[in-house]
Amino acid sequence: MRRSADGVVRAEADRDGIAGLAGVPGQRGGTVTIGVSLAVPDPWAAQIQDARAGYGDPLARAVATHVTLLPPTEVPAERLGAVGRQLADAARRHRPFRVLLRGSDSFRPVSPVVFVRLDEGARECRMLEASVRSGLLARELAFPYHPHVTVAQAVDEAVLDRAQREFRDFRADFTVPGFCLYRFGEDRVWRPELHLAFGAAEA
């Protein structure tokens, strides 16, 4: 962790922004750990989460199926209100967009992660990510931003191979209406803190 001049504490993260938090509690010394993401709706969200659990992914039930916009980042607890206002401003500047998830890929050998690709919506995700990761939430990333939906990580190579094979024909098509600020709990589970609809302050 490192604190910048603006007072925001930066968190190192992996590709998906989750696994690197194994030893980081949700609140420590007046800080909270937050993340920002787009939710994948059911039935696809449940399908992917169940698959992750079946692969033995230890994070399967700790985080909802999502596309990361801001990986885990620690901020002073007293700044949560200001962070929420900044995110609301970002949401107002964007509009709902279509996401088409299709097929599987992997970050191997750089990272042991298998994911579902965004065939459509990646450009909009990159624009939105740039809006979110700014101001109070400006931070460096361990890897270049690559929108994706994780289906397996923190498992052995044979299981990663299986996950990539089983999701090669996966397809999901939906409209994204907004995004969500999540908070990391003492029980190491991510829970929604604030839902933000595109074109509005809050939803």
N, C-alpha and C. Protein backbone atom coordinates (compact mmCIF):
# COMPACT_ATOMS: atom_id res chain seq x y z
N MET A 1 0.83 -1.19 0.00
CA MET A 1 0.00 0.00 0.00
C MET A 1 0.88 1.25 0.00
N ARG A 2 0.36 2.33 -0.62
CA ARG A 2 1.07 3.59 -0.56
C ARG A 2 0.06 4.71 -0.60
N ARG A 3 0.32 5.78 0.15
CA ARG A 3 -0.61 6.90 0.21
C ARG A 3 -0.11 8.01 -0.72
N SER A 4 -1.01 8.54 -1.52
CA SER A 4 -0.64 9.58 -2.46
C SER A 4 -0.86 10.95 -1.82
N ALA A 5 -0.51 12.00 -2.56
CA ALA A 5 -0.64 13.35 -2.05
C ALA A 5 -2.09 13.73 -1.78
N ASP A 6 -3.04 13.10 -2.49
CA ASP A 6 -4.45 13.45 -2.26
C ASP A 6 -5.07 12.69 -1.10
N GLY A 7 -4.28 11.86 -0.42
CA GLY A 7 -4.78 11.18 0.75
C GLY A 7 -5.40 9.84 0.51
N VAL A 8 -5.49 9.41 -0.76
CA VAL A 8 -6.07 8.12 -1.06
C VAL A 8 -4.99 7.05 -0.99
N VAL A 9 -5.28 5.97 -0.30
CA VAL A 9 -4.33 4.88 -0.17
C VAL A 9 -4.51 3.93 -1.34
N ARG A 10 -3.41 3.63 -2.04
CA ARG A 10 -3.47 2.78 -3.22
C ARG A 10 -3.30 1.32 -2.83
N ALA A 11 -4.07 0.46 -3.45
CA ALA A 11 -3.96 -0.98 -3.21
C ALA A 11 -3.40 -1.66 -4.43
N GLU A 12 -2.41 -2.53 -4.23
CA GLU A 12 -1.93 -3.34 -5.33
C GLU A 12 -2.98 -4.43 -5.62
N ALA A 13 -3.10 -4.83 -6.86
CA ALA A 13 -4.14 -5.80 -7.22
C ALA A 13 -3.66 -6.69 -8.35
N ASP A 14 -4.35 -7.82 -8.51
CA ASP A 14 -4.05 -8.69 -9.63
C ASP A 14 -4.92 -8.30 -10.81
N ARG A 15 -4.96 -9.12 -11.86
CA ARG A 15 -5.72 -8.79 -13.06
C ARG A 15 -7.17 -8.48 -12.75
N ASP A 16 -7.78 -9.33 -11.93
CA ASP A 16 -9.19 -9.17 -11.62
C ASP A 16 -9.38 -8.22 -10.46
N GLY A 17 -8.29 -7.91 -9.75
CA GLY A 17 -8.40 -6.97 -8.66
C GLY A 17 -8.94 -7.55 -7.38
N ILE A 18 -8.96 -8.87 -7.23
CA ILE A 18 -9.57 -9.48 -6.07
C ILE A 18 -8.57 -10.34 -5.29
N ALA A 19 -7.88 -11.21 -5.99
CA ALA A 19 -7.04 -12.19 -5.30
C ALA A 19 -5.97 -11.55 -4.44
N GLY A 20 -5.47 -10.38 -4.81
CA GLY A 20 -4.43 -9.72 -4.05
C GLY A 20 -4.88 -9.22 -2.69
N LEU A 21 -6.17 -9.35 -2.40
CA LEU A 21 -6.69 -8.85 -1.13
C LEU A 21 -6.75 -9.92 -0.06
N ALA A 22 -6.11 -11.03 -0.25
CA ALA A 22 -6.23 -12.15 0.68
C ALA A 22 -5.95 -11.75 2.12
N GLY A 23 -5.03 -10.82 2.34
CA GLY A 23 -4.70 -10.45 3.71
C GLY A 23 -5.14 -9.06 4.09
N VAL A 24 -6.01 -8.44 3.30
CA VAL A 24 -6.41 -7.06 3.56
C VAL A 24 -7.81 -7.02 4.13
N PRO A 25 -8.00 -6.58 5.37
CA PRO A 25 -9.34 -6.49 5.93
C PRO A 25 -10.11 -5.35 5.30
N GLY A 26 -11.43 -5.36 5.47
CA GLY A 26 -12.27 -4.34 4.84
C GLY A 26 -12.09 -2.97 5.43
N GLN A 27 -11.72 -2.87 6.69
CA GLN A 27 -11.54 -1.57 7.29
C GLN A 27 -10.41 -1.66 8.29
N ARG A 28 -9.46 -0.74 8.18
CA ARG A 28 -8.31 -0.77 9.07
C ARG A 28 -7.77 0.64 9.20
N GLY A 29 -7.61 1.10 10.46
CA GLY A 29 -7.02 2.41 10.68
C GLY A 29 -7.75 3.54 10.02
N GLY A 30 -9.10 3.48 10.01
CA GLY A 30 -9.87 4.56 9.42
C GLY A 30 -10.00 4.49 7.92
N THR A 31 -9.66 3.36 7.31
CA THR A 31 -9.81 3.22 5.87
C THR A 31 -10.81 2.12 5.56
N VAL A 32 -11.34 2.18 4.35
CA VAL A 32 -12.22 1.12 3.86
C VAL A 32 -11.70 0.69 2.49
N THR A 33 -11.91 -0.57 2.16
CA THR A 33 -11.52 -1.09 0.85
C THR A 33 -12.74 -1.14 -0.05
N ILE A 34 -12.64 -0.48 -1.18
CA ILE A 34 -13.76 -0.40 -2.12
C ILE A 34 -13.34 -0.92 -3.49
N GLY A 35 -14.33 -1.21 -4.31
CA GLY A 35 -14.13 -1.55 -5.71
C GLY A 35 -15.34 -1.07 -6.48
N VAL A 36 -15.20 -0.90 -7.77
CA VAL A 36 -16.31 -0.45 -8.62
C VAL A 36 -16.42 -1.41 -9.79
N SER A 37 -17.64 -1.84 -10.10
CA SER A 37 -17.79 -2.80 -11.19
C SER A 37 -19.17 -2.72 -11.82
N LEU A 38 -19.26 -3.36 -13.00
CA LEU A 38 -20.53 -3.56 -13.69
C LEU A 38 -21.02 -4.96 -13.36
N ALA A 39 -22.26 -5.08 -12.97
CA ALA A 39 -22.81 -6.39 -12.64
C ALA A 39 -23.24 -7.13 -13.90
N VAL A 40 -22.95 -8.41 -13.94
CA VAL A 40 -23.50 -9.29 -14.97
C VAL A 40 -24.82 -9.83 -14.43
N PRO A 41 -25.92 -9.71 -15.17
CA PRO A 41 -27.22 -10.14 -14.64
C PRO A 41 -27.39 -11.65 -14.69
N ASP A 42 -28.36 -12.14 -13.93
CA ASP A 42 -28.78 -13.54 -14.03
C ASP A 42 -29.55 -13.73 -15.35
N PRO A 43 -29.57 -14.92 -15.90
CA PRO A 43 -29.07 -16.17 -15.32
C PRO A 43 -27.57 -16.40 -15.50
N TRP A 44 -26.91 -15.53 -16.28
CA TRP A 44 -25.49 -15.75 -16.59
C TRP A 44 -24.61 -15.56 -15.36
N ALA A 45 -24.97 -14.60 -14.50
CA ALA A 45 -24.16 -14.36 -13.30
C ALA A 45 -24.11 -15.61 -12.43
N ALA A 46 -25.28 -16.22 -12.19
CA ALA A 46 -25.34 -17.42 -11.37
C ALA A 46 -24.60 -18.58 -12.03
N GLN A 47 -24.73 -18.68 -13.35
CA GLN A 47 -24.04 -19.75 -14.08
C GLN A 47 -22.53 -19.65 -13.91
N ILE A 48 -22.00 -18.43 -14.05
CA ILE A 48 -20.55 -18.25 -13.91
C ILE A 48 -20.11 -18.45 -12.48
N GLN A 49 -20.88 -17.93 -11.52
CA GLN A 49 -20.50 -18.09 -10.11
C GLN A 49 -20.53 -19.55 -9.70
N ASP A 50 -21.54 -20.28 -10.14
CA ASP A 50 -21.60 -21.72 -9.83
C ASP A 50 -20.43 -22.47 -10.45
N ALA A 51 -20.06 -22.08 -11.68
CA ALA A 51 -18.93 -22.72 -12.33
C ALA A 51 -17.64 -22.44 -11.57
N ARG A 52 -17.46 -21.20 -11.15
CA ARG A 52 -16.26 -20.85 -10.37
C ARG A 52 -16.17 -21.70 -9.11
N ALA A 53 -17.30 -21.84 -8.43
CA ALA A 53 -17.31 -22.67 -7.22
C ALA A 53 -16.97 -24.11 -7.56
N GLY A 54 -17.49 -24.62 -8.67
CA GLY A 54 -17.21 -25.98 -9.08
C GLY A 54 -15.76 -26.21 -9.44
N TYR A 55 -15.08 -25.16 -9.91
CA TYR A 55 -13.67 -25.26 -10.24
C TYR A 55 -12.78 -25.18 -8.99
N GLY A 56 -13.41 -24.87 -7.85
CA GLY A 56 -12.64 -24.73 -6.63
C GLY A 56 -12.04 -23.36 -6.43
N ASP A 57 -12.51 -22.37 -7.19
CA ASP A 57 -12.03 -21.00 -7.05
C ASP A 57 -12.43 -20.49 -5.67
N PRO A 58 -11.47 -20.12 -4.82
CA PRO A 58 -11.80 -19.72 -3.45
C PRO A 58 -12.57 -18.41 -3.37
N LEU A 59 -12.61 -17.65 -4.46
CA LEU A 59 -13.31 -16.37 -4.45
C LEU A 59 -14.70 -16.45 -5.07
N ALA A 60 -15.13 -17.64 -5.43
CA ALA A 60 -16.38 -17.80 -6.17
C ALA A 60 -17.57 -17.16 -5.47
N ARG A 61 -17.70 -17.34 -4.16
CA ARG A 61 -18.85 -16.83 -3.42
C ARG A 61 -18.57 -15.52 -2.71
N ALA A 62 -17.37 -14.99 -2.87
CA ALA A 62 -17.00 -13.76 -2.17
C ALA A 62 -17.29 -12.51 -2.99
N VAL A 63 -17.54 -12.69 -4.28
CA VAL A 63 -17.73 -11.54 -5.15
C VAL A 63 -18.76 -11.90 -6.22
N ALA A 64 -19.64 -10.95 -6.53
CA ALA A 64 -20.64 -11.17 -7.58
C ALA A 64 -19.96 -11.18 -8.94
N THR A 65 -20.61 -11.83 -9.91
CA THR A 65 -20.09 -11.87 -11.27
C THR A 65 -20.10 -10.46 -11.86
N HIS A 66 -18.96 -10.03 -12.40
CA HIS A 66 -18.83 -8.61 -12.71
C HIS A 66 -17.76 -8.35 -13.76
N VAL A 67 -17.76 -7.10 -14.24
CA VAL A 67 -16.67 -6.52 -15.01
C VAL A 67 -16.07 -5.42 -14.15
N THR A 68 -14.82 -5.54 -13.79
CA THR A 68 -14.17 -4.56 -12.92
C THR A 68 -13.99 -3.22 -13.63
N LEU A 69 -14.30 -2.14 -12.92
CA LEU A 69 -13.99 -0.78 -13.36
C LEU A 69 -12.88 -0.16 -12.50
N LEU A 70 -12.90 -0.47 -11.21
CA LEU A 70 -11.85 -0.02 -10.29
C LEU A 70 -11.50 -1.18 -9.40
N PRO A 71 -10.26 -1.67 -9.45
CA PRO A 71 -9.87 -2.79 -8.58
C PRO A 71 -9.81 -2.35 -7.12
N PRO A 72 -9.69 -3.29 -6.20
CA PRO A 72 -9.70 -2.96 -4.77
C PRO A 72 -8.74 -1.82 -4.43
N THR A 73 -9.28 -0.82 -3.77
CA THR A 73 -8.53 0.39 -3.44
C THR A 73 -8.95 0.83 -2.04
N GLU A 74 -7.99 1.15 -1.20
CA GLU A 74 -8.31 1.65 0.13
C GLU A 74 -8.44 3.17 0.10
N VAL A 75 -9.49 3.65 0.74
CA VAL A 75 -9.71 5.10 0.85
C VAL A 75 -10.02 5.42 2.31
N PRO A 76 -9.71 6.64 2.76
CA PRO A 76 -10.11 7.04 4.11
C PRO A 76 -11.62 6.97 4.25
N ALA A 77 -12.08 6.42 5.36
CA ALA A 77 -13.52 6.24 5.55
C ALA A 77 -14.29 7.55 5.43
N GLU A 78 -13.69 8.64 5.87
CA GLU A 78 -14.39 9.92 5.82
C GLU A 78 -14.55 10.45 4.41
N ARG A 79 -13.88 9.83 3.45
CA ARG A 79 -13.98 10.28 2.06
C ARG A 79 -14.99 9.49 1.25
N LEU A 80 -15.68 8.55 1.87
CA LEU A 80 -16.65 7.74 1.12
C LEU A 80 -17.74 8.61 0.50
N GLY A 81 -18.21 9.61 1.22
CA GLY A 81 -19.24 10.49 0.67
C GLY A 81 -18.76 11.21 -0.58
N ALA A 82 -17.55 11.74 -0.52
CA ALA A 82 -16.98 12.43 -1.67
C ALA A 82 -16.76 11.47 -2.83
N VAL A 83 -16.33 10.25 -2.52
CA VAL A 83 -16.16 9.24 -3.57
C VAL A 83 -17.50 8.94 -4.23
N GLY A 84 -18.55 8.79 -3.42
CA GLY A 84 -19.88 8.55 -3.98
C GLY A 84 -20.34 9.66 -4.89
N ARG A 85 -20.07 10.91 -4.51
CA ARG A 85 -20.45 12.05 -5.36
C ARG A 85 -19.66 12.05 -6.66
N GLN A 86 -18.39 11.71 -6.58
CA GLN A 86 -17.58 11.64 -7.80
C GLN A 86 -18.11 10.56 -8.74
N LEU A 87 -18.47 9.41 -8.19
CA LEU A 87 -18.99 8.33 -9.02
C LEU A 87 -20.35 8.70 -9.63
N ALA A 88 -21.17 9.42 -8.85
CA ALA A 88 -22.45 9.87 -9.38
C ALA A 88 -22.25 10.80 -10.57
N ASP A 89 -21.26 11.69 -10.47
CA ASP A 89 -20.95 12.58 -11.58
C ASP A 89 -20.50 11.78 -12.80
N ALA A 90 -19.68 10.75 -12.56
CA ALA A 90 -19.23 9.92 -13.67
C ALA A 90 -20.40 9.20 -14.32
N ALA A 91 -21.32 8.68 -13.51
CA ALA A 91 -22.48 7.96 -14.05
C ALA A 91 -23.34 8.87 -14.93
N ARG A 92 -23.48 10.13 -14.52
CA ARG A 92 -24.31 11.06 -15.30
C ARG A 92 -23.76 11.29 -16.70
N ARG A 93 -22.47 11.09 -16.88
CA ARG A 93 -21.84 11.39 -18.17
C ARG A 93 -21.89 10.21 -19.14
N HIS A 94 -22.47 9.10 -18.71
CA HIS A 94 -22.52 7.91 -19.57
C HIS A 94 -23.96 7.46 -19.75
N ARG A 95 -24.18 6.62 -20.74
CA ARG A 95 -25.50 6.12 -21.06
C ARG A 95 -25.48 4.59 -21.08
N PRO A 96 -26.62 3.94 -20.91
CA PRO A 96 -26.65 2.48 -20.98
C PRO A 96 -26.05 1.98 -22.29
N PHE A 97 -25.42 0.82 -22.24
CA PHE A 97 -24.81 0.26 -23.43
C PHE A 97 -24.93 -1.27 -23.41
N ARG A 98 -24.78 -1.83 -24.59
CA ARG A 98 -24.91 -3.28 -24.76
C ARG A 98 -23.58 -3.97 -24.51
N VAL A 99 -23.65 -5.10 -23.82
CA VAL A 99 -22.49 -5.96 -23.64
C VAL A 99 -22.81 -7.33 -24.23
N LEU A 100 -21.90 -7.81 -25.05
CA LEU A 100 -21.99 -9.17 -25.58
C LEU A 100 -20.78 -9.93 -25.07
N LEU A 101 -21.03 -10.91 -24.20
CA LEU A 101 -19.98 -11.80 -23.72
C LEU A 101 -19.98 -13.03 -24.62
N ARG A 102 -18.80 -13.38 -25.14
CA ARG A 102 -18.76 -14.54 -26.02
C ARG A 102 -17.37 -15.17 -26.02
N GLY A 103 -17.32 -16.44 -25.69
CA GLY A 103 -16.07 -17.18 -25.75
C GLY A 103 -15.15 -16.93 -24.57
N SER A 104 -14.16 -17.78 -24.46
CA SER A 104 -13.22 -17.71 -23.33
C SER A 104 -11.82 -17.38 -23.80
N ASP A 105 -11.03 -16.90 -22.85
CA ASP A 105 -9.63 -16.58 -23.11
C ASP A 105 -8.90 -16.66 -21.77
N SER A 106 -7.61 -16.36 -21.78
CA SER A 106 -6.82 -16.47 -20.56
C SER A 106 -5.73 -15.41 -20.55
N PHE A 107 -5.34 -14.99 -19.36
CA PHE A 107 -4.20 -14.09 -19.21
C PHE A 107 -2.89 -14.86 -19.01
N ARG A 108 -2.96 -16.17 -19.05
CA ARG A 108 -1.74 -16.97 -18.92
C ARG A 108 -0.79 -16.70 -20.07
N PRO A 109 0.52 -16.71 -19.86
CA PRO A 109 1.22 -17.09 -18.62
C PRO A 109 1.45 -15.95 -17.65
N VAL A 110 0.99 -14.73 -18.00
CA VAL A 110 1.24 -13.59 -17.12
C VAL A 110 0.45 -13.71 -15.82
N SER A 111 -0.83 -14.11 -15.92
CA SER A 111 -1.67 -14.29 -14.74
C SER A 111 -2.49 -15.57 -14.90
N PRO A 112 -2.65 -16.35 -13.83
CA PRO A 112 -3.41 -17.60 -13.92
C PRO A 112 -4.91 -17.35 -13.83
N VAL A 113 -5.45 -16.72 -14.87
CA VAL A 113 -6.86 -16.32 -14.90
C VAL A 113 -7.47 -16.73 -16.23
N VAL A 114 -8.64 -17.36 -16.17
CA VAL A 114 -9.45 -17.65 -17.36
C VAL A 114 -10.68 -16.76 -17.29
N PHE A 115 -11.08 -16.21 -18.42
CA PHE A 115 -12.17 -15.25 -18.42
C PHE A 115 -13.02 -15.38 -19.67
N VAL A 116 -14.21 -14.75 -19.61
CA VAL A 116 -15.08 -14.61 -20.77
C VAL A 116 -14.79 -13.26 -21.41
N ARG A 117 -14.70 -13.24 -22.73
CA ARG A 117 -14.37 -12.04 -23.48
C ARG A 117 -15.59 -11.14 -23.67
N LEU A 118 -15.35 -9.85 -23.77
CA LEU A 118 -16.37 -8.88 -24.18
C LEU A 118 -16.23 -8.68 -25.68
N ASP A 119 -17.14 -9.25 -26.46
CA ASP A 119 -17.14 -9.04 -27.90
C ASP A 119 -17.70 -7.67 -28.26
N GLU A 120 -18.63 -7.18 -27.45
CA GLU A 120 -19.17 -5.83 -27.60
C GLU A 120 -19.25 -5.20 -26.22
N GLY A 121 -19.03 -3.91 -26.18
CA GLY A 121 -19.08 -3.18 -24.91
C GLY A 121 -17.72 -2.88 -24.32
N ALA A 122 -16.65 -3.43 -24.88
CA ALA A 122 -15.32 -3.19 -24.33
C ALA A 122 -14.93 -1.72 -24.44
N ARG A 123 -15.24 -1.09 -25.56
CA ARG A 123 -14.89 0.32 -25.75
C ARG A 123 -15.60 1.18 -24.71
N GLU A 124 -16.88 0.91 -24.50
CA GLU A 124 -17.64 1.68 -23.50
C GLU A 124 -17.09 1.44 -22.09
N CYS A 125 -16.69 0.20 -21.81
CA CYS A 125 -16.10 -0.09 -20.50
C CYS A 125 -14.80 0.69 -20.29
N ARG A 126 -13.99 0.79 -21.33
CA ARG A 126 -12.74 1.53 -21.20
C ARG A 126 -13.00 3.02 -20.95
N MET A 127 -13.98 3.57 -21.63
CA MET A 127 -14.33 4.97 -21.40
C MET A 127 -14.85 5.18 -19.99
N LEU A 128 -15.69 4.26 -19.54
CA LEU A 128 -16.25 4.36 -18.19
C LEU A 128 -15.16 4.18 -17.14
N GLU A 129 -14.27 3.22 -17.36
CA GLU A 129 -13.17 2.99 -16.42
C GLU A 129 -12.32 4.24 -16.26
N ALA A 130 -12.06 4.94 -17.36
CA ALA A 130 -11.27 6.17 -17.29
C ALA A 130 -11.99 7.24 -16.47
N SER A 131 -13.32 7.29 -16.57
CA SER A 131 -14.09 8.25 -15.78
C SER A 131 -14.05 7.91 -14.29
N VAL A 132 -14.14 6.61 -13.99
CA VAL A 132 -14.16 6.17 -12.59
C VAL A 132 -12.79 6.32 -11.95
N ARG A 133 -11.75 5.88 -12.63
CA ARG A 133 -10.40 5.88 -12.06
C ARG A 133 -9.75 7.25 -12.29
N SER A 134 -10.30 8.25 -11.63
CA SER A 134 -9.84 9.62 -11.77
C SER A 134 -10.12 10.35 -10.45
N GLY A 135 -9.66 11.57 -10.34
CA GLY A 135 -9.94 12.36 -9.15
C GLY A 135 -9.48 11.66 -7.88
N LEU A 136 -10.40 11.49 -6.94
CA LEU A 136 -10.08 10.83 -5.67
C LEU A 136 -9.66 9.38 -5.87
N LEU A 137 -10.07 8.79 -6.97
CA LEU A 137 -9.81 7.37 -7.22
C LEU A 137 -8.71 7.16 -8.27
N ALA A 138 -7.97 8.21 -8.60
CA ALA A 138 -6.87 8.06 -9.54
C ALA A 138 -5.80 7.16 -8.93
N ARG A 139 -5.34 6.18 -9.69
CA ARG A 139 -4.33 5.25 -9.20
C ARG A 139 -3.70 4.53 -10.39
N GLU A 140 -2.53 3.98 -10.14
CA GLU A 140 -1.86 3.17 -11.14
C GLU A 140 -2.42 1.76 -11.09
N LEU A 141 -2.35 1.06 -12.21
CA LEU A 141 -2.78 -0.33 -12.28
C LEU A 141 -1.57 -1.24 -12.44
N ALA A 142 -1.69 -2.44 -11.88
CA ALA A 142 -0.61 -3.41 -12.02
C ALA A 142 -0.51 -3.93 -13.46
N PHE A 143 -1.65 -3.91 -14.19
CA PHE A 143 -1.71 -4.36 -15.57
C PHE A 143 -2.55 -3.37 -16.37
N PRO A 144 -2.36 -3.26 -17.68
CA PRO A 144 -3.24 -2.43 -18.49
C PRO A 144 -4.70 -2.90 -18.35
N TYR A 145 -5.61 -1.93 -18.35
CA TYR A 145 -7.03 -2.28 -18.17
C TYR A 145 -7.52 -3.12 -19.33
N HIS A 146 -8.17 -4.24 -19.00
CA HIS A 146 -8.69 -5.17 -20.01
C HIS A 146 -10.04 -5.67 -19.49
N PRO A 147 -11.16 -5.10 -19.95
CA PRO A 147 -12.47 -5.54 -19.43
C PRO A 147 -12.72 -7.00 -19.72
N HIS A 148 -13.19 -7.73 -18.72
CA HIS A 148 -13.40 -9.17 -18.84
C HIS A 148 -14.26 -9.64 -17.68
N VAL A 149 -14.70 -10.89 -17.75
CA VAL A 149 -15.46 -11.52 -16.66
C VAL A 149 -14.71 -12.79 -16.27
N THR A 150 -14.19 -12.83 -15.08
CA THR A 150 -13.41 -13.98 -14.63
C THR A 150 -14.30 -15.20 -14.42
N VAL A 151 -13.79 -16.36 -14.87
CA VAL A 151 -14.50 -17.62 -14.62
C VAL A 151 -13.67 -18.60 -13.79
N ALA A 152 -12.37 -18.35 -13.68
CA ALA A 152 -11.53 -19.20 -12.83
C ALA A 152 -10.20 -18.51 -12.56
N GLN A 153 -9.76 -18.58 -11.31
CA GLN A 153 -8.43 -18.12 -10.94
C GLN A 153 -8.06 -18.79 -9.62
N ALA A 154 -6.79 -18.73 -9.29
CA ALA A 154 -6.29 -19.33 -8.03
C ALA A 154 -6.58 -20.82 -7.97
N VAL A 155 -6.53 -21.48 -9.14
CA VAL A 155 -6.67 -22.94 -9.21
C VAL A 155 -5.54 -23.47 -10.09
N ASP A 156 -5.36 -24.79 -10.13
CA ASP A 156 -4.21 -25.32 -10.86
C ASP A 156 -4.44 -25.28 -12.38
N GLU A 157 -3.37 -25.53 -13.12
CA GLU A 157 -3.39 -25.38 -14.57
C GLU A 157 -4.42 -26.29 -15.24
N ALA A 158 -4.56 -27.49 -14.75
CA ALA A 158 -5.52 -28.42 -15.36
C ALA A 158 -6.94 -27.89 -15.24
N VAL A 159 -7.26 -27.28 -14.10
CA VAL A 159 -8.60 -26.72 -13.90
C VAL A 159 -8.78 -25.48 -14.78
N LEU A 160 -7.75 -24.66 -14.91
CA LEU A 160 -7.83 -23.51 -15.81
C LEU A 160 -8.07 -23.96 -17.25
N ASP A 161 -7.38 -25.02 -17.66
CA ASP A 161 -7.61 -25.57 -19.00
C ASP A 161 -9.06 -26.00 -19.17
N ARG A 162 -9.58 -26.67 -18.16
CA ARG A 162 -10.97 -27.13 -18.21
C ARG A 162 -11.95 -25.96 -18.30
N ALA A 163 -11.71 -24.93 -17.49
CA ALA A 163 -12.60 -23.76 -17.51
C ALA A 163 -12.57 -23.09 -18.87
N GLN A 164 -11.40 -22.93 -19.44
CA GLN A 164 -11.30 -22.28 -20.74
C GLN A 164 -12.00 -23.11 -21.82
N ARG A 165 -11.90 -24.40 -21.72
CA ARG A 165 -12.56 -25.29 -22.68
C ARG A 165 -14.08 -25.24 -22.51
N GLU A 166 -14.55 -25.29 -21.28
CA GLU A 166 -16.00 -25.35 -21.04
C GLU A 166 -16.70 -24.03 -21.35
N PHE A 167 -15.99 -22.92 -21.35
CA PHE A 167 -16.62 -21.62 -21.61
C PHE A 167 -16.34 -21.11 -23.03
N ARG A 168 -15.76 -21.94 -23.89
CA ARG A 168 -15.42 -21.45 -25.22
C ARG A 168 -16.65 -21.12 -26.05
N ASP A 169 -17.80 -21.73 -25.74
CA ASP A 169 -19.04 -21.44 -26.48
C ASP A 169 -20.02 -20.59 -25.67
N PHE A 170 -19.55 -20.04 -24.57
CA PHE A 170 -20.43 -19.22 -23.72
C PHE A 170 -20.85 -17.95 -24.47
N ARG A 171 -22.10 -17.55 -24.23
CA ARG A 171 -22.63 -16.32 -24.82
C ARG A 171 -23.64 -15.69 -23.89
N ALA A 172 -23.55 -14.40 -23.71
CA ALA A 172 -24.53 -13.63 -22.94
C ALA A 172 -24.65 -12.25 -23.56
N ASP A 173 -25.87 -11.75 -23.66
CA ASP A 173 -26.15 -10.48 -24.33
C ASP A 173 -27.09 -9.68 -23.43
N PHE A 174 -26.67 -8.52 -22.97
CA PHE A 174 -27.50 -7.73 -22.06
C PHE A 174 -27.12 -6.25 -22.13
N THR A 175 -27.99 -5.42 -21.59
CA THR A 175 -27.75 -3.97 -21.52
C THR A 175 -27.31 -3.61 -20.11
N VAL A 176 -26.28 -2.80 -20.02
CA VAL A 176 -25.76 -2.34 -18.72
C VAL A 176 -26.41 -1.00 -18.39
N PRO A 177 -27.19 -0.92 -17.27
CA PRO A 177 -27.88 0.31 -16.93
C PRO A 177 -27.09 1.24 -16.02
N GLY A 178 -26.00 0.74 -15.43
CA GLY A 178 -25.23 1.54 -14.49
C GLY A 178 -24.14 0.68 -13.86
N PHE A 179 -23.57 1.15 -12.78
CA PHE A 179 -22.51 0.41 -12.11
C PHE A 179 -22.67 0.51 -10.60
N CYS A 180 -21.79 -0.14 -9.86
CA CYS A 180 -21.97 -0.24 -8.42
C CYS A 180 -20.64 -0.06 -7.69
N LEU A 181 -20.72 0.63 -6.57
CA LEU A 181 -19.61 0.73 -5.63
C LEU A 181 -19.75 -0.38 -4.61
N TYR A 182 -18.71 -1.20 -4.47
CA TYR A 182 -18.71 -2.30 -3.52
C TYR A 182 -17.76 -2.02 -2.38
N ARG A 183 -18.05 -2.62 -1.23
CA ARG A 183 -17.20 -2.48 -0.04
C ARG A 183 -16.79 -3.87 0.44
N PHE A 184 -15.54 -4.01 0.75
CA PHE A 184 -14.97 -5.28 1.20
C PHE A 184 -15.16 -5.41 2.71
N GLY A 185 -15.83 -6.50 3.13
CA GLY A 185 -16.17 -6.66 4.54
C GLY A 185 -15.12 -7.40 5.34
N GLU A 186 -15.26 -7.35 6.65
CA GLU A 186 -14.36 -8.07 7.56
C GLU A 186 -14.42 -9.58 7.31
N ASP A 187 -15.55 -10.04 6.76
CA ASP A 187 -15.69 -11.46 6.44
C ASP A 187 -15.15 -11.79 5.04
N ARG A 188 -14.48 -10.82 4.41
CA ARG A 188 -13.85 -10.98 3.10
C ARG A 188 -14.85 -11.19 1.97
N VAL A 189 -16.03 -10.66 2.15
CA VAL A 189 -17.07 -10.71 1.12
C VAL A 189 -17.32 -9.29 0.62
N TRP A 190 -17.47 -9.16 -0.70
CA TRP A 190 -17.79 -7.86 -1.30
C TRP A 190 -19.30 -7.64 -1.31
N ARG A 191 -19.74 -6.48 -0.81
CA ARG A 191 -21.17 -6.15 -0.79
C ARG A 191 -21.41 -4.79 -1.43
N PRO A 192 -22.56 -4.65 -2.15
CA PRO A 192 -22.86 -3.36 -2.79
C PRO A 192 -23.09 -2.27 -1.76
N GLU A 193 -22.44 -1.14 -1.98
CA GLU A 193 -22.57 0.02 -1.11
C GLU A 193 -23.43 1.11 -1.75
N LEU A 194 -23.34 1.24 -3.07
CA LEU A 194 -24.05 2.31 -3.77
C LEU A 194 -24.25 1.91 -5.22
N HIS A 195 -25.51 1.92 -5.67
CA HIS A 195 -25.83 1.65 -7.08
C HIS A 195 -25.98 2.98 -7.81
N LEU A 196 -25.38 3.10 -8.97
CA LEU A 196 -25.41 4.34 -9.74
C LEU A 196 -25.90 4.07 -11.14
N ALA A 197 -27.01 4.71 -11.51
CA ALA A 197 -27.57 4.53 -12.85
C ALA A 197 -26.98 5.54 -13.81
N PHE A 198 -26.75 5.14 -15.03
CA PHE A 198 -26.25 6.06 -16.03
C PHE A 198 -27.28 7.16 -16.27
N GLY A 199 -26.78 8.38 -16.40
CA GLY A 199 -27.65 9.51 -16.68
C GLY A 199 -28.40 10.02 -15.48
N ALA A 200 -28.09 9.52 -14.26
CA ALA A 200 -28.75 9.96 -13.04
C ALA A 200 -27.75 9.94 -11.90
N ALA A 201 -28.04 10.67 -10.84
CA ALA A 201 -27.12 10.74 -9.70
C ALA A 201 -27.07 9.43 -8.95
N GLU A 202 -28.23 8.83 -8.71
CA GLU A 202 -28.29 7.58 -7.97
C GLU A 202 -29.47 6.75 -8.48
N ALA A 203 -29.43 5.46 -8.12
CA ALA A 203 -30.55 4.56 -8.42
C ALA A 203 -30.71 3.60 -7.28
